Structure formats: structure tokens, C-alpha cells
Amino acid sequence: MKELVEILAKALVDQPEQVEVTTVEKERSVVVELRVAPEDMGKVIGKQGRIARAIRSVVKAAATKQRKKVVVEII
């Protein structure tokens, strides 16, 4: 999941070297934290959160194959 979020985020931003993705394993789920440069935050979130919702949907679909619950947090 971490690699998938990283690839998607780097494709969207102007400063791909500042994209940082970390994972936190919890009991029943995995939390993927995405950090980008402050100037790129709008590009990752999108108008009315559409891009963020799309990233979460793609990750959720990939997680379903692995039978895990994944939460993407944009920080």
C-alpha cells in the first residue's frame, strides 16, 4: 500500500522529492500517512476533496485483495 500511495502522490505534486509516506500497523487496520510540501497540499486534496477521495478508493480496492482495512491520512 505504501508504494501505491507514494507513486500516486509523486505523480500529482510539483515537488516529488518531498513526498513522504509512512505506515502505522494497528490491530485490524493499516494507517498510511501521506506528507507533501505545503504548496502541493491542494493538488493532493483536489477540489472538494475529489483527488483525495480517488486515492483512498484506489488504495481501498487494492487492500480488499489483501483482505486488510487501509486508512489513508493526508497530513
Protein backbone atom coordinates (compact mmCIF):
# COMPACT_ATOMS: atom_id res chain seq x y z
CA MET A 1 0.00 0.00 0.00
CA LYS A 2 2.81 2.37 0.87
CA GLU A 3 4.33 2.12 -2.60
CA LEU A 4 0.97 2.65 -4.29
CA VAL A 5 0.24 5.84 -2.33
CA GLU A 6 3.77 7.10 -2.98
CA ILE A 7 3.52 6.57 -6.74
CA LEU A 8 0.13 8.28 -6.94
CA ALA A 9 1.24 11.25 -4.83
CA LYS A 10 4.52 11.78 -6.71
CA ALA A 11 2.62 11.89 -9.99
CA LEU A 12 0.40 14.70 -8.69
CA VAL A 13 2.80 17.11 -7.00
CA ASP A 14 5.41 19.63 -8.21
CA GLN A 15 7.96 18.59 -5.58
CA PRO A 16 8.03 14.76 -5.62
CA GLU A 17 11.18 14.65 -3.51
CA GLN A 18 9.19 15.98 -0.54
CA VAL A 19 6.58 13.22 -0.66
CA GLU A 20 6.84 11.08 2.45
CA VAL A 21 4.70 8.02 3.13
CA THR A 22 4.70 6.10 6.40
CA THR A 23 2.59 3.19 7.57
CA VAL A 24 1.30 2.50 11.06
CA GLU A 25 0.09 -1.04 11.70
CA LYS A 26 -2.83 -1.25 14.08
CA GLU A 27 -4.77 -4.22 15.35
CA ARG A 28 -7.26 -4.56 12.50
CA SER A 29 -6.11 -1.93 10.05
CA VAL A 30 -3.18 -0.16 8.47
CA VAL A 31 -2.92 3.63 8.54
CA VAL A 32 -0.99 5.15 5.63
CA GLU A 33 0.16 8.70 6.36
CA LEU A 34 0.96 10.90 3.36
CA ARG A 35 3.01 14.06 3.83
CA VAL A 36 3.66 16.53 1.00
CA ALA A 37 5.07 20.04 0.70
CA PRO A 38 2.61 22.72 1.90
CA GLU A 39 2.42 24.16 -1.62
CA ASP A 40 1.34 20.78 -3.02
CA MET A 41 -1.34 20.08 -0.43
CA GLY A 42 -4.11 21.46 -2.67
CA LYS A 43 -3.05 19.27 -5.57
CA VAL A 44 -3.23 16.13 -3.46
CA ILE A 45 -6.60 17.03 -1.94
CA GLY A 46 -8.20 18.45 -5.10
CA LYS A 47 -11.38 20.45 -5.48
CA GLN A 48 -13.85 19.44 -2.79
CA GLY A 49 -11.54 16.53 -1.88
CA ARG A 50 -12.06 14.65 -5.14
CA ILE A 51 -8.41 13.66 -5.64
CA ALA A 52 -8.06 12.55 -2.01
CA ARG A 53 -11.24 10.50 -2.34
CA ALA A 54 -9.93 8.92 -5.55
CA ILE A 55 -6.61 8.00 -3.89
CA ARG A 56 -8.50 6.44 -0.98
CA SER A 57 -10.74 4.48 -3.37
CA VAL A 58 -7.78 3.04 -5.29
CA VAL A 59 -5.99 2.06 -2.08
CA LYS A 60 -9.18 0.54 -0.65
CA ALA A 61 -9.63 -1.56 -3.79
CA ALA A 62 -6.04 -2.80 -3.59
CA ALA A 63 -6.43 -3.53 0.13
CA THR A 64 -9.56 -5.57 -0.49
CA LYS A 65 -7.47 -8.07 -2.45
CA GLN A 66 -5.23 -8.47 0.58
CA ARG A 67 -8.21 -8.57 2.96
CA LYS A 68 -7.00 -5.62 5.01
CA LYS A 69 -8.55 -2.34 6.02
CA VAL A 70 -6.42 0.60 4.98
CA VAL A 71 -6.95 4.22 6.00
CA VAL A 72 -5.14 7.00 4.09
CA GLU A 73 -4.46 10.17 6.06
CA ILE A 74 -3.12 13.27 4.31
CA ILE A 75 -1.04 15.28 6.74
